[in-house]
């Protein structure tokens, strides 16, 4: 099983002040990997800092839908990623089938360019891909059918719940397309601050059981408590679930 990871957007403020220190702290907590979101800004420096901290890269969020795509793909390869993720697409793309067909074409084009760099491409959801329905189904599921099978999905459990679907049931329907999970917790509302994993309303255990082989990436977009402590508490909770046999390693 790949190591438990942190999406570095969680610690963006801390990293802006001292990236090396926060990466060392992430490693000290026990995380083995990270998912950068801004690798294209300083790929060489980030690679050096990650190497020093002993952290690997599970995947990279990157601006792949605009003119920054070539630099973003090169940066993802430079920091050792094998997977690059589209972090979001406009909500209007998910309003109807025509929009989804257009989205699939654009994402497919990015996937082909990613493959030229030896990278696999994935898509990460927010709430709007699930809140909006097309042909009676959550729009994300329709998009999954339209995308090339090689395009993977990174399902965000918090935003799935916020969008009105049960994360575990969604994962069961999407099956093997889901290779990464954003594991986050809180009130499952658009405005509410997130909490350490295990301290909120998201059905974490059921969701992890529904996608036992997916890479687990903890992310806290915004947190009412100290975010580094929340990451530590999340690590303790998730490793505790494994130790207790409630979820697979």
C-alpha atoms as a PDB file:
ATOM      1  CA  UNK A   1       0.000   0.000   0.000  1.00  0.00           C
ATOM      2  CA  UNK A   2       1.363   3.458  -0.840  1.00  0.00           C
ATOM      3  CA  UNK A   3       2.264   5.600   2.156  1.00  0.00           C
ATOM      4  CA  UNK A   4      -0.272   7.947   3.713  1.00  0.00           C
ATOM      5  CA  UNK A   5       0.110  11.379   2.110  1.00  0.00           C
ATOM      6  CA  UNK A   6      -0.659  15.064   2.689  1.00  0.00           C
ATOM      7  CA  UNK A   7      -1.943  17.487   0.071  1.00  0.00           C
ATOM      8  CA  UNK A   8       0.418  20.433   0.535  1.00  0.00           C
ATOM      9  CA  UNK A   9      -2.356  22.971  -0.012  1.00  0.00           C
ATOM     10  CA  UNK A  10      -3.249  22.171   3.596  1.00  0.00           C
ATOM     11  CA  UNK A  11      -0.036  23.841   4.804  1.00  0.00           C
ATOM     12  CA  UNK A  12       0.295  26.543   2.164  1.00  0.00           C
ATOM     13  CA  UNK A  13       0.729  29.330   4.733  1.00  0.00           C
ATOM     14  CA  UNK A  14       3.322  27.416   6.718  1.00  0.00           C
ATOM     15  CA  UNK A  15       5.188  26.419   3.566  1.00  0.00           C
ATOM     16  CA  UNK A  16       5.279  30.033   2.387  1.00  0.00           C
ATOM     17  CA  UNK A  17       7.114  30.892   5.590  1.00  0.00           C
ATOM     18  CA  UNK A  18       9.443  27.852   5.745  1.00  0.00           C
ATOM     19  CA  UNK A  19       8.804  25.012   3.328  1.00  0.00           C
ATOM     20  CA  UNK A  20      11.678  22.859   4.543  1.00  0.00           C
ATOM     21  CA  UNK A  21      10.505  23.037   8.137  1.00  0.00           C
ATOM     22  CA  UNK A  22       6.923  22.087   7.374  1.00  0.00           C
ATOM     23  CA  UNK A  23       8.003  19.183   5.157  1.00  0.00           C
ATOM     24  CA  UNK A  24      10.230  17.897   7.948  1.00  0.00           C
ATOM     25  CA  UNK A  25       7.298  18.160  10.347  1.00  0.00           C
ATOM     26  CA  UNK A  26       5.034  16.211   7.983  1.00  0.00           C
ATOM     27  CA  UNK A  27       7.644  13.454   7.858  1.00  0.00           C
ATOM     28  CA  UNK A  28       8.047  13.517  11.653  1.00  0.00           C
ATOM     29  CA  UNK A  29       4.305  12.992  12.088  1.00  0.00           C
ATOM     30  CA  UNK A  30       4.676   9.801  10.063  1.00  0.00           C
ATOM     31  CA  UNK A  31       3.446  10.685   6.590  1.00  0.00           C
ATOM     32  CA  UNK A  32       5.534   9.202   3.814  1.00  0.00           C
ATOM     33  CA  UNK A  33       4.362  11.181   0.807  1.00  0.00           C
ATOM     34  CA  UNK A  34       2.877  14.469  -0.313  1.00  0.00           C
ATOM     35  CA  UNK A  35       0.753  15.789  -3.149  1.00  0.00           C
ATOM     36  CA  UNK A  36       2.074  19.222  -4.223  1.00  0.00           C
ATOM     37  CA  UNK A  37      -0.222  21.779  -5.833  1.00  0.00           C
ATOM     38  CA  UNK A  38       2.339  24.347  -7.020  1.00  0.00           C
ATOM     39  CA  UNK A  39       5.273  22.257  -8.252  1.00  0.00           C
ATOM     40  CA  UNK A  40       5.442  24.280 -11.467  1.00  0.00           C
ATOM     41  CA  UNK A  41       6.574  27.331  -9.507  1.00  0.00           C
ATOM     42  CA  UNK A  42       9.816  25.777  -8.200  1.00  0.00           C
ATOM     43  CA  UNK A  43      10.223  22.140  -9.252  1.00  0.00           C
ATOM     44  CA  UNK A  44      13.955  21.924  -8.573  1.00  0.00           C
ATOM     45  CA  UNK A  45      13.773  23.484  -5.124  1.00  0.00           C
ATOM     46  CA  UNK A  46      10.729  21.434  -4.158  1.00  0.00           C
ATOM     47  CA  UNK A  47      12.409  18.212  -5.275  1.00  0.00           C
ATOM     48  CA  UNK A  48      15.448  19.038  -3.146  1.00  0.00           C
ATOM     49  CA  UNK A  49      13.343  19.866  -0.075  1.00  0.00           C
ATOM     50  CA  UNK A  50      11.307  16.667  -0.430  1.00  0.00           C
ATOM     51  CA  UNK A  51      14.448  14.581  -0.777  1.00  0.00           C
ATOM     52  CA  UNK A  52      15.889  16.181   2.354  1.00  0.00           C
ATOM     53  CA  UNK A  53      12.697  15.432   4.300  1.00  0.00           C
ATOM     54  CA  UNK A  54      12.530  11.845   3.045  1.00  0.00           C
ATOM     55  CA  UNK A  55       9.137  12.319   1.414  1.00  0.00           C
ATOM     56  CA  UNK A  56       7.967  10.951  -1.930  1.00  0.00           C
ATOM     57  CA  UNK A  57       5.364  12.401  -4.305  1.00  0.00           C
ATOM     58  CA  UNK A  58       2.190  10.375  -4.783  1.00  0.00           C
ATOM     59  CA  UNK A  59       0.722  12.756  -7.375  1.00  0.00           C
ATOM     60  CA  UNK A  60       0.635  16.437  -8.284  1.00  0.00           C
ATOM     61  CA  UNK A  61      -2.246  18.886  -8.634  1.00  0.00           C
ATOM     62  CA  UNK A  62      -1.441  21.131 -11.554  1.00  0.00           C
ATOM     63  CA  UNK A  63      -2.943  23.807 -13.847  1.00  0.00           C
ATOM     64  CA  UNK A  64      -3.567  21.564 -16.849  1.00  0.00           C
ATOM     65  CA  UNK A  65      -6.468  23.342 -18.518  1.00  0.00           C
ATOM     66  CA  UNK A  66      -4.670  26.498 -19.627  1.00  0.00           C
ATOM     67  CA  UNK A  67      -1.386  27.721 -21.083  1.00  0.00           C
ATOM     68  CA  UNK A  68       0.553  26.570 -18.012  1.00  0.00           C
ATOM     69  CA  UNK A  69       0.099  22.910 -18.973  1.00  0.00           C
ATOM     70  CA  UNK A  70       3.556  22.298 -20.535  1.00  0.00           C
ATOM     71  CA  UNK A  71       5.389  23.745 -17.524  1.00  0.00           C
ATOM     72  CA  UNK A  72       3.099  21.897 -15.113  1.00  0.00           C
ATOM     73  CA  UNK A  73       3.691  18.540 -16.802  1.00  0.00           C
ATOM     74  CA  UNK A  74       7.436  19.055 -16.890  1.00  0.00           C
ATOM     75  CA  UNK A  75       7.416  20.007 -13.206  1.00  0.00           C
ATOM     76  CA  UNK A  76       5.370  16.951 -12.220  1.00  0.00           C
ATOM     77  CA  UNK A  77       7.910  14.702 -13.891  1.00  0.00           C
ATOM     78  CA  UNK A  78      10.781  16.643 -12.294  1.00  0.00           C
ATOM     79  CA  UNK A  79       9.525  16.043  -8.738  1.00  0.00           C
ATOM     80  CA  UNK A  80       9.089  12.321  -9.360  1.00  0.00           C
ATOM     81  CA  UNK A  81       5.339  12.063  -9.824  1.00  0.00           C
ATOM     82  CA  UNK A  82       3.726   9.362 -11.922  1.00  0.00           C
ATOM     83  CA  UNK A  83       0.259  10.923 -11.778  1.00  0.00           C
ATOM     84  CA  UNK A  84      -0.908  14.471 -12.397  1.00  0.00           C
ATOM     85  CA  UNK A  85      -4.362  15.651 -11.330  1.00  0.00           C
ATOM     86  CA  UNK A  86      -6.706  18.299 -12.722  1.00  0.00           C
ATOM     87  CA  UNK A  87      -7.694  19.970  -9.417  1.00  0.00           C
ATOM     88  CA  UNK A  88     -10.987  21.476 -10.644  1.00  0.00           C
ATOM     89  CA  UNK A  89     -12.979  22.445 -13.704  1.00  0.00           C
ATOM     90  CA  UNK A  90     -15.677  25.118 -14.052  1.00  0.00           C
ATOM     91  CA  UNK A  91     -19.040  24.252 -12.531  1.00  0.00           C
ATOM     92  CA  UNK A  92     -20.753  25.183 -15.798  1.00  0.00           C
ATOM     93  CA  UNK A  93     -19.124  22.222 -17.518  1.00  0.00           C
ATOM     94  CA  UNK A  94     -21.269  19.896 -15.397  1.00  0.00           C
ATOM     95  CA  UNK A  95     -24.671  21.426 -16.079  1.00  0.00           C
ATOM     96  CA  UNK A  96     -25.646  19.230 -19.029  1.00  0.00           C
ATOM     97  CA  UNK A  97     -24.416  16.465 -21.334  1.00  0.00           C
ATOM     98  CA  UNK A  98     -23.079  18.903 -23.921  1.00  0.00           C
ATOM     99  CA  UNK A  99     -20.890  20.504 -21.277  1.00  0.00           C
ATOM    100  CA  UNK A 100     -19.671  17.124 -20.077  1.00  0.00           C
ATOM    101  CA  UNK A 101     -18.799  16.027 -23.597  1.00  0.00           C
ATOM    102  CA  UNK A 102     -16.761  19.207 -24.011  1.00  0.00           C
ATOM    103  CA  UNK A 103     -15.077  18.613 -20.640  1.00  0.00           C
ATOM    104  CA  UNK A 104     -14.175  15.072 -21.633  1.00  0.00           C
ATOM    105  CA  UNK A 105     -12.539  16.329 -24.829  1.00  0.00           C
ATOM    106  CA  UNK A 106     -10.453  18.933 -23.000  1.00  0.00           C
ATOM    107  CA  UNK A 107      -9.423  16.555 -20.228  1.00  0.00           C
ATOM    108  CA  UNK A 108      -8.660  13.871 -22.797  1.00  0.00           C
ATOM    109  CA  UNK A 109      -6.345  16.246 -24.635  1.00  0.00           C
ATOM    110  CA  UNK A 110      -4.514  16.964 -21.381  1.00  0.00           C
ATOM    111  CA  UNK A 111      -4.267  13.229 -20.689  1.00  0.00           C
ATOM    112  CA  UNK A 112      -2.600  12.610 -24.046  1.00  0.00           C
ATOM    113  CA  UNK A 113      -0.055  15.343 -23.386  1.00  0.00           C
ATOM    114  CA  UNK A 114       0.560  13.942 -19.911  1.00  0.00           C
ATOM    115  CA  UNK A 115       1.241  10.531 -21.411  1.00  0.00           C
ATOM    116  CA  UNK A 116       3.940  12.107 -23.584  1.00  0.00           C
ATOM    117  CA  UNK A 117       5.695  13.003 -20.311  1.00  0.00           C
ATOM    118  CA  UNK A 118       5.240   9.492 -18.906  1.00  0.00           C
ATOM    119  CA  UNK A 119       2.422  10.661 -16.629  1.00  0.00           C
ATOM    120  CA  UNK A 120      -1.088   9.418 -16.020  1.00  0.00           C
ATOM    121  CA  UNK A 121      -3.818  12.024 -15.607  1.00  0.00           C
ATOM    122  CA  UNK A 122      -6.660  12.151 -13.113  1.00  0.00           C
ATOM    123  CA  UNK A 123      -9.559  14.410 -12.177  1.00  0.00           C
ATOM    124  CA  UNK A 124     -10.389  15.685  -8.666  1.00  0.00           C
ATOM    125  CA  UNK A 125     -13.940  16.642  -7.713  1.00  0.00           C
ATOM    126  CA  UNK A 126     -15.539  19.357  -5.628  1.00  0.00           C
ATOM    127  CA  UNK A 127     -19.226  19.450  -4.690  1.00  0.00           C
ATOM    128  CA  UNK A 128     -20.586  20.839  -7.946  1.00  0.00           C
ATOM    129  CA  UNK A 129     -19.788  17.731 -10.010  1.00  0.00           C
ATOM    130  CA  UNK A 130     -22.034  15.739  -7.681  1.00  0.00           C
ATOM    131  CA  UNK A 131     -24.669  18.292  -6.753  1.00  0.00           C
ATOM    132  CA  UNK A 132     -25.479  18.774 -10.443  1.00  0.00           C
ATOM    133  CA  UNK A 133     -27.182  15.885 -12.183  1.00  0.00           C
ATOM    134  CA  UNK A 134     -27.243  14.893 -15.822  1.00  0.00           C
ATOM    135  CA  UNK A 135     -29.534  12.146 -17.113  1.00  0.00           C
ATOM    136  CA  UNK A 136     -30.609  11.587 -13.510  1.00  0.00           C
ATOM    137  CA  UNK A 137     -27.086  10.803 -12.300  1.00  0.00           C
ATOM    138  CA  UNK A 138     -24.399  12.837 -10.522  1.00  0.00           C
ATOM    139  CA  UNK A 139     -22.537  14.648 -13.290  1.00  0.00           C
ATOM    140  CA  UNK A 140     -19.176  13.229 -12.171  1.00  0.00           C
ATOM    141  CA  UNK A 141     -20.383   9.723 -12.919  1.00  0.00           C
ATOM    142  CA  UNK A 142     -21.493  10.715 -16.405  1.00  0.00           C
ATOM    143  CA  UNK A 143     -18.130  12.383 -17.001  1.00  0.00           C
ATOM    144  CA  UNK A 144     -16.368   9.198 -15.894  1.00  0.00           C
ATOM    145  CA  UNK A 145     -18.240   7.273 -18.587  1.00  0.00           C
ATOM    146  CA  UNK A 146     -17.237   9.821 -21.233  1.00  0.00           C
ATOM    147  CA  UNK A 147     -13.552   9.946 -20.323  1.00  0.00           C
ATOM    148  CA  UNK A 148     -10.950   7.583 -21.709  1.00  0.00           C
ATOM    149  CA  UNK A 149     -10.614   4.618 -19.310  1.00  0.00           C
ATOM    150  CA  UNK A 150      -6.969   5.572 -18.721  1.00  0.00           C
ATOM    151  CA  UNK A 151      -8.033   8.795 -16.985  1.00  0.00           C
ATOM    152  CA  UNK A 152      -8.291   8.056 -13.284  1.00  0.00           C
ATOM    153  CA  UNK A 153     -10.409   9.736 -10.621  1.00  0.00           C
ATOM    154  CA  UNK A 154      -9.332  11.265  -7.331  1.00  0.00           C
ATOM    155  CA  UNK A 155     -12.491  11.337  -5.230  1.00  0.00           C
ATOM    156  CA  UNK A 156     -12.675  13.953  -2.502  1.00  0.00           C
ATOM    157  CA  UNK A 157     -14.746  12.381   0.264  1.00  0.00           C
ATOM    158  CA  UNK A 158     -15.675  15.662   1.940  1.00  0.00           C
ATOM    159  CA  UNK A 159     -16.852  17.360  -1.236  1.00  0.00           C
ATOM    160  CA  UNK A 160     -18.709  14.239  -2.328  1.00  0.00           C
ATOM    161  CA  UNK A 161     -20.687  14.302   0.918  1.00  0.00           C
ATOM    162  CA  UNK A 162     -21.219  18.047   0.557  1.00  0.00           C
ATOM    163  CA  UNK A 163     -22.549  17.441  -2.949  1.00  0.00           C
ATOM    164  CA  UNK A 164     -25.278  15.225  -1.552  1.00  0.00           C
ATOM    165  CA  UNK A 165     -24.000  11.710  -2.241  1.00  0.00           C
ATOM    166  CA  UNK A 166     -22.855   8.964   0.080  1.00  0.00           C
ATOM    167  CA  UNK A 167     -19.075   8.693  -0.517  1.00  0.00           C
ATOM    168  CA  UNK A 168     -18.951   4.929  -0.062  1.00  0.00           C
ATOM    169  CA  UNK A 169     -21.830   4.360  -2.484  1.00  0.00           C
ATOM    170  CA  UNK A 170     -20.208   6.705  -5.006  1.00  0.00           C
ATOM    171  CA  UNK A 171     -16.921   4.818  -4.750  1.00  0.00           C
ATOM    172  CA  UNK A 172     -18.697   1.502  -5.222  1.00  0.00           C
ATOM    173  CA  UNK A 173     -20.309   2.782  -8.420  1.00  0.00           C
ATOM    174  CA  UNK A 174     -17.068   4.241  -9.806  1.00  0.00           C
ATOM    175  CA  UNK A 175     -15.074   1.137  -8.973  1.00  0.00           C
ATOM    176  CA  UNK A 176     -11.519   0.826 -10.218  1.00  0.00           C
ATOM    177  CA  UNK A 177     -11.498   4.262 -11.836  1.00  0.00           C
ATOM    178  CA  UNK A 178     -10.782   5.701  -8.383  1.00  0.00           C
ATOM    179  CA  UNK A 179      -7.063   5.469  -7.677  1.00  0.00           C
ATOM    180  CA  UNK A 180      -6.701   8.345  -5.187  1.00  0.00           C
ATOM    181  CA  UNK A 181      -8.819   9.630  -2.310  1.00  0.00           C
ATOM    182  CA  UNK A 182      -8.788  13.034  -0.644  1.00  0.00           C
ATOM    183  CA  UNK A 183      -9.502  12.097   2.943  1.00  0.00           C
ATOM    184  CA  UNK A 184     -10.904  15.060   4.821  1.00  0.00           C
ATOM    185  CA  UNK A 185     -13.546  15.628   7.452  1.00  0.00           C
ATOM    186  CA  UNK A 186     -15.775  18.280   8.947  1.00  0.00           C
ATOM    187  CA  UNK A 187     -19.441  19.302   8.768  1.00  0.00           C
ATOM    188  CA  UNK A 188     -19.781  18.449   5.046  1.00  0.00           C
ATOM    189  CA  UNK A 189     -20.989  21.945   4.194  1.00  0.00           C
ATOM    190  CA  UNK A 190     -19.572  24.410   1.695  1.00  0.00           C
ATOM    191  CA  UNK A 191     -18.757  27.021   4.332  1.00  0.00           C
ATOM    192  CA  UNK A 192     -17.908  25.042   7.461  1.00  0.00           C
ATOM    193  CA  UNK A 193     -14.257  24.740   8.553  1.00  0.00           C
ATOM    194  CA  UNK A 194     -12.747  21.276   8.251  1.00  0.00           C
ATOM    195  CA  UNK A 195     -11.573  19.188  11.163  1.00  0.00           C
ATOM    196  CA  UNK A 196      -9.030  16.490  11.784  1.00  0.00           C
ATOM    197  CA  UNK A 197     -10.066  13.286  10.032  1.00  0.00           C
ATOM    198  CA  UNK A 198     -12.337  11.333  12.355  1.00  0.00           C
ATOM    199  CA  UNK A 199     -13.714  14.388  14.131  1.00  0.00           C
ATOM    200  CA  UNK A 200     -16.401  15.370  11.620  1.00  0.00           C
ATOM    201  CA  UNK A 201     -19.499  14.099   9.839  1.00  0.00           C
ATOM    202  CA  UNK A 202     -17.972  12.363   6.802  1.00  0.00           C
ATOM    203  CA  UNK A 203     -18.351   8.542   6.938  1.00  0.00           C
ATOM    204  CA  UNK A 204     -14.626   7.926   6.665  1.00  0.00           C
ATOM    205  CA  UNK A 205     -14.515   4.240   7.611  1.00  0.00           C
ATOM    206  CA  UNK A 206     -17.167   3.183   5.105  1.00  0.00           C
ATOM    207  CA  UNK A 207     -15.520   5.226   2.360  1.00  0.00           C
ATOM    208  CA  UNK A 208     -12.062   3.773   2.947  1.00  0.00           C
ATOM    209  CA  UNK A 209     -13.534   0.288   2.958  1.00  0.00           C
ATOM    210  CA  UNK A 210     -15.178   0.982  -0.411  1.00  0.00           C
ATOM    211  CA  UNK A 211     -11.838   1.847  -2.065  1.00  0.00           C
ATOM    212  CA  UNK A 212      -9.252  -0.180  -0.147  1.00  0.00           C
ATOM    213  CA  UNK A 213      -6.505   0.111  -2.760  1.00  0.00           C
ATOM    214  CA  UNK A 214      -6.740   3.853  -3.408  1.00  0.00           C
ATOM    215  CA  UNK A 215      -3.951   6.194  -2.323  1.00  0.00           C
ATOM    216  CA  UNK A 216      -5.060   8.068   0.816  1.00  0.00           C
ATOM    217  CA  UNK A 217      -4.231  11.771   0.826  1.00  0.00           C
ATOM    218  CA  UNK A 218      -5.208  13.920   3.796  1.00  0.00           C
ATOM    219  CA  UNK A 219      -6.245  17.472   2.906  1.00  0.00           C
ATOM    220  CA  UNK A 220      -7.724  20.233   5.035  1.00  0.00           C
ATOM    221  CA  UNK A 221      -8.615  23.171   2.795  1.00  0.00           C
ATOM    222  CA  UNK A 222      -9.233  25.399   5.797  1.00  0.00           C
ATOM    223  CA  UNK A 223      -9.286  24.443   9.449  1.00  0.00           C
ATOM    224  CA  UNK A 224     -10.608  26.107  12.597  1.00  0.00           C
ATOM    225  CA  UNK A 225      -7.772  24.628  14.670  1.00  0.00           C
ATOM    226  CA  UNK A 226      -3.997  24.429  14.166  1.00  0.00           C
ATOM    227  CA  UNK A 227      -3.702  22.658  10.842  1.00  0.00           C
ATOM    228  CA  UNK A 228      -0.419  20.898  11.577  1.00  0.00           C
ATOM    229  CA  UNK A 229      -1.880  19.453  14.771  1.00  0.00           C
ATOM    230  CA  UNK A 230      -4.991  18.456  12.799  1.00  0.00           C
ATOM    231  CA  UNK A 231      -2.758  16.621  10.332  1.00  0.00           C
ATOM    232  CA  UNK A 232      -1.087  14.826  13.232  1.00  0.00           C
ATOM    233  CA  UNK A 233      -4.476  13.903  14.707  1.00  0.00           C
ATOM    234  CA  UNK A 234      -5.634  12.704  11.269  1.00  0.00           C
ATOM    235  CA  UNK A 235      -2.564  10.488  10.925  1.00  0.00           C
ATOM    236  CA  UNK A 236      -3.165   9.003  14.372  1.00  0.00           C
ATOM    237  CA  UNK A 237      -6.818   8.323  13.550  1.00  0.00           C
ATOM    238  CA  UNK A 238      -6.136   6.707  10.187  1.00  0.00           C
ATOM    239  CA  UNK A 239      -3.265   4.547  11.379  1.00  0.00           C
ATOM    240  CA  UNK A 240      -5.402   3.608  14.368  1.00  0.00           C
ATOM    241  CA  UNK A 241      -8.138   2.355  12.042  1.00  0.00           C
ATOM    242  CA  UNK A 242      -5.595   0.132  10.314  1.00  0.00           C
ATOM    243  CA  UNK A 243      -4.160  -1.131  13.607  1.00  0.00           C
ATOM    244  CA  UNK A 244      -7.660  -2.008  14.809  1.00  0.00           C
ATOM    245  CA  UNK A 245      -8.420  -3.863  11.582  1.00  0.00           C
ATOM    246  CA  UNK A 246     -11.288  -1.549  10.705  1.00  0.00           C
ATOM    247  CA  UNK A 247      -9.765  -0.668   7.316  1.00  0.00           C
ATOM    248  CA  UNK A 248      -7.114  -2.343   5.202  1.00  0.00           C
ATOM    249  CA  UNK A 249      -3.485  -1.120   5.381  1.00  0.00           C
END
